Amino acid sequence: MIIKLSPDLKKEEIYANGNELANIMGMDRERGRRVLDYPMEKKVFVHSFNNPVLLTDNYRISQLNPSLRDTIFSLFSSRLRIVEYDGVGTIDDGTYKSVWCPSIDTILFALALKRLFRKRENFHRAVEIGTGSGFLSKYALAKNKHIGSILVNDLNPFAIKCAMNNIHDKRVVFYQGDGIEKIKEDKYDLIMCNPPYIPRPDSIDDNPYEGVSLLYNLVHNGHSYLNKNGILIVNISSLCAHILFKRKPKMKMTVLAKLKVPLKVNNVMNNKEWLRYLTGKKIIKKKFNRGYEYWQELKIVSFENI
């Protein structure tokens, strides 16, 4: 399936493509002959949602007529997914362990990058910490020809494999490992990070950046990784702002984009200890709205090393 977002993030379009056309959309005959195999490039529009707050909004899908509802649920359960925004897309075939395909916060981040690049383009040396699917690095490279090199990093080796399969650009250097330790070796004009932003009571040794520690490090130490007038751009949730801003950042802060979205993370909502921590600390409050119990505000924020 293909999920396509409009440049202003006001519309989400759903398409069936490839073999889904025969398997789900019923296009299994053509001129009296059986057709089971379609090229990936062939697609059929299925439905659109205005003002999306999630890329997979099960509640809104459930409100559709039964045939359309079941069709879209079948498409979302399809193994291969393409997410497109502003002419840039990445493919997730479901084989990369613990790698999330682009979500609403990824696209909001891309919108913020677009706004940033309109005002300034001279980011010669860039880095993305925690690339996941590689969408944001691919978007930055497509929309800013002034980027001379970009370090694309993730702790997860499967994320690096996913990013390598999605980004084909000579300006990229891929690095699997601790991104913070890596960027201490040099200075950058642009640092991008769409990090974990949900506070968690404990961390474990296999991921020192669990919870908001990666975000906290970048917000308060980012100036030491940046060139003069360099920019750090991160995603900050209302769930963690109280932790981040106990100290005042040393860099100039600007909000580039924001959006209220449901908290729809299954491994949080199904973890009783984690959810009890968030509600007990009054980090989130239950308030049912548009099919979801908990909401947060996401802000894509730039920090300039002035």
C-alpha atoms as a PDB file:
ATOM      1  CA  MET A   1       0.000   0.000   0.000  1.00  0.00           C
ATOM      2  CA  ILE A   2       0.944   3.626  -0.387  1.00  0.00           C
ATOM      3  CA  ILE A   3       0.227   6.374   2.151  1.00  0.00           C
ATOM      4  CA  LYS A   4       0.625   9.805   0.604  1.00  0.00           C
ATOM      5  CA  LEU A   5       0.524  13.031   2.630  1.00  0.00           C
ATOM      6  CA  SER A   6      -0.173  16.453   1.127  1.00  0.00           C
ATOM      7  CA  PRO A   7       2.596  19.107   1.420  1.00  0.00           C
ATOM      8  CA  ASP A   8       0.605  21.031   4.070  1.00  0.00           C
ATOM      9  CA  LEU A   9      -0.166  17.819   6.004  1.00  0.00           C
ATOM     10  CA  LYS A  10      -3.897  18.468   5.653  1.00  0.00           C
ATOM     11  CA  LYS A  11      -4.746  15.341   3.658  1.00  0.00           C
ATOM     12  CA  GLU A  12      -3.766  11.676   3.761  1.00  0.00           C
ATOM     13  CA  GLU A  13      -4.437   9.543   0.691  1.00  0.00           C
ATOM     14  CA  ILE A  14      -4.510   5.751   0.694  1.00  0.00           C
ATOM     15  CA  TYR A  15      -3.619   3.754  -2.424  1.00  0.00           C
ATOM     16  CA  ALA A  16      -3.484   0.054  -3.198  1.00  0.00           C
ATOM     17  CA  ASN A  17      -0.573  -0.963  -5.409  1.00  0.00           C
ATOM     18  CA  GLY A  18       1.249  -3.966  -6.833  1.00  0.00           C
ATOM     19  CA  ASN A  19      -0.265  -7.352  -6.089  1.00  0.00           C
ATOM     20  CA  GLU A  20      -2.804  -5.762  -3.714  1.00  0.00           C
ATOM     21  CA  LEU A  21      -4.716  -4.758  -6.846  1.00  0.00           C
ATOM     22  CA  ALA A  22      -5.529  -8.405  -7.533  1.00  0.00           C
ATOM     23  CA  ASN A  23      -5.562  -9.751  -3.966  1.00  0.00           C
ATOM     24  CA  ILE A  24      -7.560  -6.963  -2.299  1.00  0.00           C
ATOM     25  CA  MET A  25      -9.046  -4.693  -4.965  1.00  0.00           C
ATOM     26  CA  GLY A  26     -10.500  -7.493  -7.111  1.00  0.00           C
ATOM     27  CA  MET A  27      -8.545  -6.534 -10.252  1.00  0.00           C
ATOM     28  CA  ASP A  28      -7.696 -10.161 -11.079  1.00  0.00           C
ATOM     29  CA  ARG A  29      -8.993 -10.209 -14.666  1.00  0.00           C
ATOM     30  CA  GLU A  30      -8.086  -8.200 -17.712  1.00  0.00           C
ATOM     31  CA  ARG A  31      -9.540  -8.839 -21.179  1.00  0.00           C
ATOM     32  CA  GLY A  32     -10.740 -12.267 -20.128  1.00  0.00           C
ATOM     33  CA  ARG A  33      -7.385 -13.341 -18.698  1.00  0.00           C
ATOM     34  CA  ARG A  34      -6.359 -13.931 -15.096  1.00  0.00           C
ATOM     35  CA  VAL A  35      -4.001 -11.296 -13.678  1.00  0.00           C
ATOM     36  CA  LEU A  36      -2.234 -12.003 -10.396  1.00  0.00           C
ATOM     37  CA  ASP A  37       0.906  -9.903 -10.703  1.00  0.00           C
ATOM     38  CA  TYR A  38       1.071  -6.110 -11.051  1.00  0.00           C
ATOM     39  CA  PRO A  39       4.147  -3.889 -10.974  1.00  0.00           C
ATOM     40  CA  MET A  40       4.749  -1.880  -7.812  1.00  0.00           C
ATOM     41  CA  GLU A  41       4.354   1.347  -9.795  1.00  0.00           C
ATOM     42  CA  LYS A  42       0.715   0.613 -10.640  1.00  0.00           C
ATOM     43  CA  LYS A  43      -1.632   2.019  -8.010  1.00  0.00           C
ATOM     44  CA  VAL A  44      -5.328   2.700  -7.432  1.00  0.00           C
ATOM     45  CA  PHE A  45      -6.729   5.401  -5.165  1.00  0.00           C
ATOM     46  CA  VAL A  46      -8.837   4.006  -2.308  1.00  0.00           C
ATOM     47  CA  HIS A  47      -9.700   6.781   0.156  1.00  0.00           C
ATOM     48  CA  SER A  48      -8.518  10.035   1.748  1.00  0.00           C
ATOM     49  CA  PHE A  49      -8.691  11.506   5.244  1.00  0.00           C
ATOM     50  CA  ASN A  50      -8.636  15.225   6.002  1.00  0.00           C
ATOM     51  CA  ASN A  51      -6.503  16.624   8.833  1.00  0.00           C
ATOM     52  CA  PRO A  52      -4.840  13.336   9.827  1.00  0.00           C
ATOM     53  CA  VAL A  53      -3.494  12.977  13.365  1.00  0.00           C
ATOM     54  CA  LEU A  54      -2.227   9.439  12.757  1.00  0.00           C
ATOM     55  CA  LEU A  55      -1.128   7.604   9.629  1.00  0.00           C
ATOM     56  CA  THR A  56      -2.973   4.510  10.844  1.00  0.00           C
ATOM     57  CA  ASP A  57      -6.099   5.902  12.485  1.00  0.00           C
ATOM     58  CA  ASN A  58      -8.053   2.785  13.380  1.00  0.00           C
ATOM     59  CA  TYR A  59     -10.923   4.766  14.876  1.00  0.00           C
ATOM     60  CA  ARG A  60     -11.544   6.844  11.746  1.00  0.00           C
ATOM     61  CA  ILE A  61     -11.189   3.779   9.561  1.00  0.00           C
ATOM     62  CA  SER A  62     -13.760   1.952  11.685  1.00  0.00           C
ATOM     63  CA  GLN A  63     -16.316   4.726  10.994  1.00  0.00           C
ATOM     64  CA  LEU A  64     -16.305   4.045   7.226  1.00  0.00           C
ATOM     65  CA  ASN A  65     -18.830   1.865   5.449  1.00  0.00           C
ATOM     66  CA  PRO A  66     -18.070  -1.844   6.036  1.00  0.00           C
ATOM     67  CA  SER A  67     -16.666  -2.626   2.590  1.00  0.00           C
ATOM     68  CA  LEU A  68     -14.299   0.365   2.557  1.00  0.00           C
ATOM     69  CA  ARG A  69     -13.406  -0.194   6.224  1.00  0.00           C
ATOM     70  CA  ASP A  70     -12.395  -3.809   5.626  1.00  0.00           C
ATOM     71  CA  THR A  71     -10.496  -2.903   2.453  1.00  0.00           C
ATOM     72  CA  ILE A  72      -8.376  -0.315   4.250  1.00  0.00           C
ATOM     73  CA  PHE A  73      -7.739  -2.587   7.229  1.00  0.00           C
ATOM     74  CA  SER A  74      -6.587  -5.266   4.770  1.00  0.00           C
ATOM     75  CA  LEU A  75      -4.240  -2.790   3.102  1.00  0.00           C
ATOM     76  CA  PHE A  76      -2.756  -1.746   6.442  1.00  0.00           C
ATOM     77  CA  SER A  77      -2.132  -5.394   7.304  1.00  0.00           C
ATOM     78  CA  SER A  78      -0.291  -5.850   4.000  1.00  0.00           C
ATOM     79  CA  ARG A  79       3.410  -6.573   4.495  1.00  0.00           C
ATOM     80  CA  LEU A  80       4.818  -3.845   2.263  1.00  0.00           C
ATOM     81  CA  ARG A  81       4.148  -0.167   2.938  1.00  0.00           C
ATOM     82  CA  ILE A  82       5.306   2.975   1.136  1.00  0.00           C
ATOM     83  CA  VAL A  83       5.010   6.374   2.812  1.00  0.00           C
ATOM     84  CA  GLU A  84       5.288   9.458   0.582  1.00  0.00           C
ATOM     85  CA  TYR A  85       5.469  13.135   1.472  1.00  0.00           C
ATOM     86  CA  ASP A  86       6.342  16.066  -0.764  1.00  0.00           C
ATOM     87  CA  GLY A  87       7.715  13.833  -3.507  1.00  0.00           C
ATOM     88  CA  VAL A  88       9.875  11.711  -1.173  1.00  0.00           C
ATOM     89  CA  GLY A  89       9.062   8.167  -0.132  1.00  0.00           C
ATOM     90  CA  THR A  90      10.509   5.186   1.702  1.00  0.00           C
ATOM     91  CA  ILE A  91       9.602   1.506   1.566  1.00  0.00           C
ATOM     92  CA  ASP A  92       9.118  -0.789   4.553  1.00  0.00           C
ATOM     93  CA  ASP A  93       8.666  -4.461   3.696  1.00  0.00           C
ATOM     94  CA  GLY A  94       8.238  -5.568   7.311  1.00  0.00           C
ATOM     95  CA  THR A  95      11.550  -7.438   7.532  1.00  0.00           C
ATOM     96  CA  TYR A  96      13.533  -4.897   9.577  1.00  0.00           C
ATOM     97  CA  LYS A  97      13.334  -5.787  13.287  1.00  0.00           C
ATOM     98  CA  SER A  98      12.239  -2.975  15.629  1.00  0.00           C
ATOM     99  CA  VAL A  99      12.285  -0.406  12.815  1.00  0.00           C
ATOM    100  CA  TRP A 100       9.204   1.796  12.630  1.00  0.00           C
ATOM    101  CA  CYS A 101       8.093   3.012   9.249  1.00  0.00           C
ATOM    102  CA  PRO A 102       7.461   6.792   9.050  1.00  0.00           C
ATOM    103  CA  SER A 103       4.625   7.950  11.294  1.00  0.00           C
ATOM    104  CA  ILE A 104       2.789  11.247  11.745  1.00  0.00           C
ATOM    105  CA  ASP A 105       5.662  12.723  13.772  1.00  0.00           C
ATOM    106  CA  THR A 106       8.106  11.849  10.972  1.00  0.00           C
ATOM    107  CA  ILE A 107       6.008  13.731   8.430  1.00  0.00           C
ATOM    108  CA  LEU A 108       5.543  16.680  10.814  1.00  0.00           C
ATOM    109  CA  PHE A 109       9.346  16.747  11.137  1.00  0.00           C
ATOM    110  CA  ALA A 110       9.697  16.796   7.341  1.00  0.00           C
ATOM    111  CA  LEU A 111       7.256  19.719   7.171  1.00  0.00           C
ATOM    112  CA  ALA A 112       9.448  21.549   9.700  1.00  0.00           C
ATOM    113  CA  LEU A 113      12.550  20.826   7.599  1.00  0.00           C
ATOM    114  CA  LYS A 114      10.802  22.310   4.581  1.00  0.00           C
ATOM    115  CA  ARG A 115      10.076  25.497   6.535  1.00  0.00           C
ATOM    116  CA  LEU A 116      13.664  25.634   7.813  1.00  0.00           C
ATOM    117  CA  PHE A 117      15.149  25.174   4.330  1.00  0.00           C
ATOM    118  CA  ARG A 118      13.028  28.031   2.977  1.00  0.00           C
ATOM    119  CA  LYS A 119      14.855  30.394   5.338  1.00  0.00           C
ATOM    120  CA  ARG A 120      18.277  28.823   5.232  1.00  0.00           C
ATOM    121  CA  GLU A 121      19.999  26.223   3.075  1.00  0.00           C
ATOM    122  CA  ASN A 122      23.698  26.395   3.940  1.00  0.00           C
ATOM    123  CA  PHE A 123      23.930  23.168   5.945  1.00  0.00           C
ATOM    124  CA  HIS A 124      27.042  21.664   4.396  1.00  0.00           C
ATOM    125  CA  ARG A 125      27.688  18.993   7.034  1.00  0.00           C
ATOM    126  CA  ALA A 126      24.654  17.199   8.462  1.00  0.00           C
ATOM    127  CA  VAL A 127      23.880  14.228  10.674  1.00  0.00           C
ATOM    128  CA  GLU A 128      20.769  12.311  11.671  1.00  0.00           C
ATOM    129  CA  ILE A 129      20.824  10.471  14.999  1.00  0.00           C
ATOM    130  CA  GLY A 130      18.430   7.516  15.108  1.00  0.00           C
ATOM    131  CA  THR A 131      17.402   7.403  11.453  1.00  0.00           C
ATOM    132  CA  GLY A 132      14.952   4.475  11.591  1.00  0.00           C
ATOM    133  CA  SER A 133      13.700   3.965   8.051  1.00  0.00           C
ATOM    134  CA  GLY A 134      15.920   6.770   6.727  1.00  0.00           C
ATOM    135  CA  PHE A 135      12.986   8.949   5.675  1.00  0.00           C
ATOM    136  CA  LEU A 136      14.195  12.244   7.180  1.00  0.00           C
ATOM    137  CA  SER A 137      17.735  11.956   5.829  1.00  0.00           C
ATOM    138  CA  LYS A 138      16.350  11.086   2.413  1.00  0.00           C
ATOM    139  CA  TYR A 139      13.995  14.063   2.590  1.00  0.00           C
ATOM    140  CA  ALA A 140      16.761  16.465   3.647  1.00  0.00           C
ATOM    141  CA  LEU A 141      19.003  15.301   0.804  1.00  0.00           C
ATOM    142  CA  ALA A 142      16.180  15.665  -1.740  1.00  0.00           C
ATOM    143  CA  LYS A 143      15.187  19.157  -0.595  1.00  0.00           C
ATOM    144  CA  ASN A 144      18.587  20.684   0.168  1.00  0.00           C
ATOM    145  CA  LYS A 145      21.232  20.380  -2.545  1.00  0.00           C
ATOM    146  CA  HIS A 146      23.669  22.394  -0.402  1.00  0.00           C
ATOM    147  CA  ILE A 147      24.203  19.446   1.935  1.00  0.00           C
ATOM    148  CA  GLY A 148      27.679  18.186   1.099  1.00  0.00           C
ATOM    149  CA  SER A 149      27.657  15.153   3.400  1.00  0.00           C
ATOM    150  CA  ILE A 150      25.322  13.536   5.899  1.00  0.00           C
ATOM    151  CA  LEU A 151      26.090  10.969   8.575  1.00  0.00           C
ATOM    152  CA  VAL A 152      23.106   8.614   8.901  1.00  0.00           C
ATOM    153  CA  ASN A 153      23.171   6.831  12.255  1.00  0.00           C
ATOM    154  CA  ASP A 154      21.232   4.328  14.329  1.00  0.00           C
ATOM    155  CA  LEU A 155      21.958   1.913  17.170  1.00  0.00           C
ATOM    156  CA  ASN A 156      19.844  -0.740  15.448  1.00  0.00           C
ATOM    157  CA  PRO A 157      21.686  -2.572  12.619  1.00  0.00           C
ATOM    158  CA  PHE A 158      18.333  -3.356  10.981  1.00  0.00           C
ATOM    159  CA  ALA A 159      17.565   0.386  10.833  1.00  0.00           C
ATOM    160  CA  ILE A 160      20.840   0.978   8.997  1.00  0.00           C
ATOM    161  CA  LYS A 161      19.950  -1.799   6.539  1.00  0.00           C
ATOM    162  CA  CYS A 162      16.523  -0.241   6.007  1.00  0.00           C
ATOM    163  CA  ALA A 163      18.009   3.227   5.496  1.00  0.00           C
ATOM    164  CA  MET A 164      20.628   1.875   3.074  1.00  0.00           C
ATOM    165  CA  ASN A 165      17.874   0.269   1.003  1.00  0.00           C
ATOM    166  CA  ASN A 166      15.923   3.538   0.925  1.00  0.00           C
ATOM    167  CA  ILE A 167      18.711   6.104   0.395  1.00  0.00           C
ATOM    168  CA  HIS A 168      20.953   6.005  -2.639  1.00  0.00           C
ATOM    169  CA  ASP A 169      23.042   9.157  -2.536  1.00  0.00           C
ATOM    170  CA  LYS A 170      26.809   9.601  -2.698  1.00  0.00           C
ATOM    171  CA  ARG A 171      26.661  12.224   0.060  1.00  0.00           C
ATOM    172  CA  VAL A 172      25.663   9.641   2.702  1.00  0.00           C
ATOM    173  CA  VAL A 173      27.886   7.902   5.226  1.00  0.00           C
ATOM    174  CA  PHE A 174      26.079   5.218   7.243  1.00  0.00           C
ATOM    175  CA  TYR A 175      27.113   4.492  10.829  1.00  0.00           C
ATOM    176  CA  GLN A 176      25.687   1.851  13.152  1.00  0.00           C
ATOM    177  CA  GLY A 177      26.467   2.509  16.805  1.00  0.00           C
ATOM    178  CA  ASP A 178      26.280   5.210  19.459  1.00  0.00           C
ATOM    179  CA  GLY A 179      25.570   8.415  17.534  1.00  0.00           C
ATOM    180  CA  ILE A 180      26.413  10.766  20.402  1.00  0.00           C
ATOM    181  CA  GLU A 181      29.880   9.262  20.804  1.00  0.00           C
ATOM    182  CA  LYS A 182      30.382   9.480  17.046  1.00  0.00           C
ATOM    183  CA  ILE A 183      29.438  13.155  16.641  1.00  0.00           C
ATOM    184  CA  LYS A 184      31.786  14.161  19.466  1.00  0.00           C
ATOM    185  CA  GLU A 185      34.569  13.637  16.939  1.00  0.00           C
ATOM    186  CA  ASP A 186      33.539  16.579  14.756  1.00  0.00           C
ATOM    187  CA  LYS A 187      31.245  19.609  14.284  1.00  0.00           C
ATOM    188  CA  TYR A 188      28.104  19.852  12.154  1.00  0.00           C
ATOM    189  CA  ASP A 189      25.917  22.515  10.562  1.00  0.00           C
ATOM    190  CA  LEU A 190      22.707  20.499  11.006  1.00  0.00           C
ATOM    191  CA  ILE A 191      21.818  17.785  13.498  1.00  0.00           C
ATOM    192  CA  MET A 192      18.448  16.049  13.106  1.00  0.00           C
ATOM    193  CA  CYS A 193      16.884  13.690  15.629  1.00  0.00           C
ATOM    194  CA  ASN A 194      13.353  12.373  15.989  1.00  0.00           C
ATOM    195  CA  PRO A 195      14.111  10.656  19.302  1.00  0.00           C
ATOM    196  CA  PRO A 196      12.202   8.621  21.863  1.00  0.00           C
ATOM    197  CA  TYR A 197      10.194  11.221  23.799  1.00  0.00           C
ATOM    198  CA  ILE A 198       8.040   9.246  26.243  1.00  0.00           C
ATOM    199  CA  PRO A 199       9.466   9.316  29.807  1.00  0.00           C
ATOM    200  CA  ARG A 200      10.154   5.896  31.297  1.00  0.00           C
ATOM    201  CA  PRO A 201      11.080   5.076  34.915  1.00  0.00           C
ATOM    202  CA  ASP A 202      14.022   2.739  34.181  1.00  0.00           C
ATOM    203  CA  SER A 203      16.507   2.081  31.427  1.00  0.00           C
ATOM    204  CA  ILE A 204      18.390  -1.096  30.537  1.00  0.00           C
ATOM    205  CA  ASP A 205      21.917  -1.601  29.278  1.00  0.00           C
ATOM    206  CA  ASP A 206      21.071  -2.481  25.676  1.00  0.00           C
ATOM    207  CA  ASN A 207      19.833   1.060  24.978  1.00  0.00           C
ATOM    208  CA  PRO A 208      21.311   3.896  27.054  1.00  0.00           C
ATOM    209  CA  TYR A 209      19.045   6.381  25.258  1.00  0.00           C
ATOM    210  CA  GLU A 210      15.752   4.792  26.295  1.00  0.00           C
ATOM    211  CA  GLY A 211      13.200   7.332  27.513  1.00  0.00           C
ATOM    212  CA  VAL A 212      14.235  10.966  27.001  1.00  0.00           C
ATOM    213  CA  SER A 213      17.972  10.837  27.777  1.00  0.00           C
ATOM    214  CA  LEU A 214      19.003  11.178  24.118  1.00  0.00           C
ATOM    215  CA  LEU A 215      16.743  14.193  23.683  1.00  0.00           C
ATOM    216  CA  TYR A 216      17.992  15.743  26.929  1.00  0.00           C
ATOM    217  CA  ASN A 217      21.618  15.279  25.859  1.00  0.00           C
ATOM    218  CA  LEU A 218      21.058  16.947  22.489  1.00  0.00           C
ATOM    219  CA  VAL A 219      19.018  19.874  23.820  1.00  0.00           C
ATOM    220  CA  HIS A 220      21.542  20.729  26.529  1.00  0.00           C
ATOM    221  CA  ASN A 221      24.828  19.658  24.920  1.00  0.00           C
ATOM    222  CA  GLY A 222      23.999  20.143  21.245  1.00  0.00           C
ATOM    223  CA  HIS A 223      25.969  23.391  21.051  1.00  0.00           C
ATOM    224  CA  SER A 224      29.191  21.410  21.572  1.00  0.00           C
ATOM    225  CA  TYR A 225      28.433  19.273  18.493  1.00  0.00           C
ATOM    226  CA  LEU A 226      27.512  22.214  16.230  1.00  0.00           C
ATOM    227  CA  ASN A 227      29.461  24.752  14.217  1.00  0.00           C
ATOM    228  CA  LYS A 228      28.786  28.425  14.875  1.00  0.00           C
ATOM    229  CA  ASN A 229      25.184  29.165  13.819  1.00  0.00           C
ATOM    230  CA  GLY A 230      24.588  25.439  13.402  1.00  0.00           C
ATOM    231  CA  ILE A 231      21.079  24.075  13.936  1.00  0.00           C
ATOM    232  CA  LEU A 232      19.792  21.185  16.011  1.00  0.00           C
ATOM    233  CA  ILE A 233      16.252  20.136  15.134  1.00  0.00           C
ATOM    234  CA  VAL A 234      14.338  17.693  17.350  1.00  0.00           C
ATOM    235  CA  ASN A 235      10.831  16.491  18.161  1.00  0.00           C
ATOM    236  CA  ILE A 236       9.633  17.459  21.662  1.00  0.00           C
ATOM    237  CA  SER A 237       6.423  16.027  23.101  1.00  0.00           C
ATOM    238  CA  SER A 238       4.318  17.673  25.781  1.00  0.00           C
ATOM    239  CA  LEU A 239       4.923  14.433  27.713  1.00  0.00           C
ATOM    240  CA  CYS A 240       8.582  15.287  28.313  1.00  0.00           C
ATOM    241  CA  ALA A 241       8.815  19.100  28.160  1.00  0.00           C
ATOM    242  CA  HIS A 242       8.777  19.357  31.966  1.00  0.00           C
ATOM    243  CA  ILE A 243      11.929  17.205  32.105  1.00  0.00           C
ATOM    244  CA  LEU A 244      13.789  18.909  29.275  1.00  0.00           C
ATOM    245  CA  PHE A 245      13.280  22.458  30.468  1.00  0.00           C
ATOM    246  CA  LYS A 246      14.193  22.106  34.111  1.00  0.00           C
ATOM    247  CA  ARG A 247      17.363  23.716  32.790  1.00  0.00           C
ATOM    248  CA  LYS A 248      17.378  26.500  30.238  1.00  0.00           C
ATOM    249  CA  PRO A 249      19.019  25.459  26.941  1.00  0.00           C
ATOM    250  CA  LYS A 250      22.081  27.432  25.882  1.00  0.00           C
ATOM    251  CA  MET A 251      20.824  27.733  22.295  1.00  0.00           C
ATOM    252  CA  LYS A 252      18.138  29.887  20.658  1.00  0.00           C
ATOM    253  CA  MET A 253      14.896  27.915  20.414  1.00  0.00           C
ATOM    254  CA  THR A 254      12.261  28.214  17.648  1.00  0.00           C
ATOM    255  CA  VAL A 255       9.112  26.111  17.167  1.00  0.00           C
ATOM    256  CA  LEU A 256       8.842  25.164  13.475  1.00  0.00           C
ATOM    257  CA  ALA A 257       5.716  22.977  13.518  1.00  0.00           C
ATOM    258  CA  LYS A 258       3.289  21.484  16.025  1.00  0.00           C
ATOM    259  CA  LEU A 259       0.387  19.056  16.091  1.00  0.00           C
ATOM    260  CA  LYS A 260      -1.847  17.431  18.709  1.00  0.00           C
ATOM    261  CA  VAL A 261      -1.929  13.673  18.224  1.00  0.00           C
ATOM    262  CA  PRO A 262      -3.158  10.624  20.147  1.00  0.00           C
ATOM    263  CA  LEU A 263      -0.708   8.617  22.203  1.00  0.00           C
ATOM    264  CA  LYS A 264      -1.004   5.379  20.246  1.00  0.00           C
ATOM    265  CA  VAL A 265       2.059   3.328  21.125  1.00  0.00           C
ATOM    266  CA  ASN A 266       1.054  -0.238  21.908  1.00  0.00           C
ATOM    267  CA  ASN A 267       4.144  -1.167  23.910  1.00  0.00           C
ATOM    268  CA  VAL A 268       3.410   1.797  26.206  1.00  0.00           C
ATOM    269  CA  MET A 269      -0.356   1.385  26.478  1.00  0.00           C
ATOM    270  CA  ASN A 270      -0.049  -2.362  27.162  1.00  0.00           C
ATOM    271  CA  ASN A 271       2.735  -1.974  29.740  1.00  0.00           C
ATOM    272  CA  LYS A 272       0.864  -1.475  33.038  1.00  0.00           C
ATOM    273  CA  GLU A 273       3.945  -0.300  34.937  1.00  0.00           C
ATOM    274  CA  TRP A 274       4.867   2.257  32.274  1.00  0.00           C
ATOM    275  CA  LEU A 275       1.308   3.556  31.942  1.00  0.00           C
ATOM    276  CA  ARG A 276       0.934   3.728  35.726  1.00  0.00           C
ATOM    277  CA  TYR A 277       4.140   5.792  35.877  1.00  0.00           C
ATOM    278  CA  LEU A 278       2.865   8.250  33.248  1.00  0.00           C
ATOM    279  CA  THR A 279      -0.569   8.675  34.826  1.00  0.00           C
ATOM    280  CA  GLY A 280       0.711   8.659  38.417  1.00  0.00           C
ATOM    281  CA  LYS A 281       3.152  11.453  37.616  1.00  0.00           C
ATOM    282  CA  LYS A 282       0.285  13.241  35.825  1.00  0.00           C
ATOM    283  CA  ILE A 283       2.377  13.279  32.650  1.00  0.00           C
ATOM    284  CA  ILE A 284      -0.732  12.171  30.789  1.00  0.00           C
ATOM    285  CA  LYS A 285      -4.392  12.413  31.731  1.00  0.00           C
ATOM    286  CA  LYS A 286      -7.206  10.287  30.376  1.00  0.00           C
ATOM    287  CA  LYS A 287      -9.539  12.397  28.258  1.00  0.00           C
ATOM    288  CA  PHE A 288     -11.435  10.488  25.576  1.00  0.00           C
ATOM    289  CA  ASN A 289     -11.533  12.357  22.260  1.00  0.00           C
ATOM    290  CA  ARG A 290     -12.041  11.174  18.667  1.00  0.00           C
ATOM    291  CA  GLY A 291     -11.580   7.542  19.604  1.00  0.00           C
ATOM    292  CA  TYR A 292      -8.473   7.852  21.796  1.00  0.00           C
ATOM    293  CA  GLU A 293      -7.987   8.170  25.566  1.00  0.00           C
ATOM    294  CA  TYR A 294      -4.646   9.991  25.746  1.00  0.00           C
ATOM    295  CA  TRP A 295      -3.303  12.881  23.672  1.00  0.00           C
ATOM    296  CA  GLN A 296      -0.052  14.801  23.402  1.00  0.00           C
ATOM    297  CA  GLU A 297       1.226  17.844  21.525  1.00  0.00           C
ATOM    298  CA  LEU A 298       4.269  17.363  19.327  1.00  0.00           C
ATOM    299  CA  LYS A 299       6.532  20.313  18.562  1.00  0.00           C
ATOM    300  CA  ILE A 300       9.347  20.225  16.048  1.00  0.00           C
ATOM    301  CA  VAL A 301      11.877  22.623  17.507  1.00  0.00           C
ATOM    302  CA  SER A 302      15.126  24.100  16.194  1.00  0.00           C
ATOM    303  CA  PHE A 303      17.993  25.157  18.459  1.00  0.00           C
ATOM    304  CA  GLU A 304      20.579  27.520  16.973  1.00  0.00           C
ATOM    305  CA  ASN A 305      24.126  27.703  18.261  1.00  0.00           C
ATOM    306  CA  ILE A 306      24.412  31.496  18.139  1.00  0.00           C
END
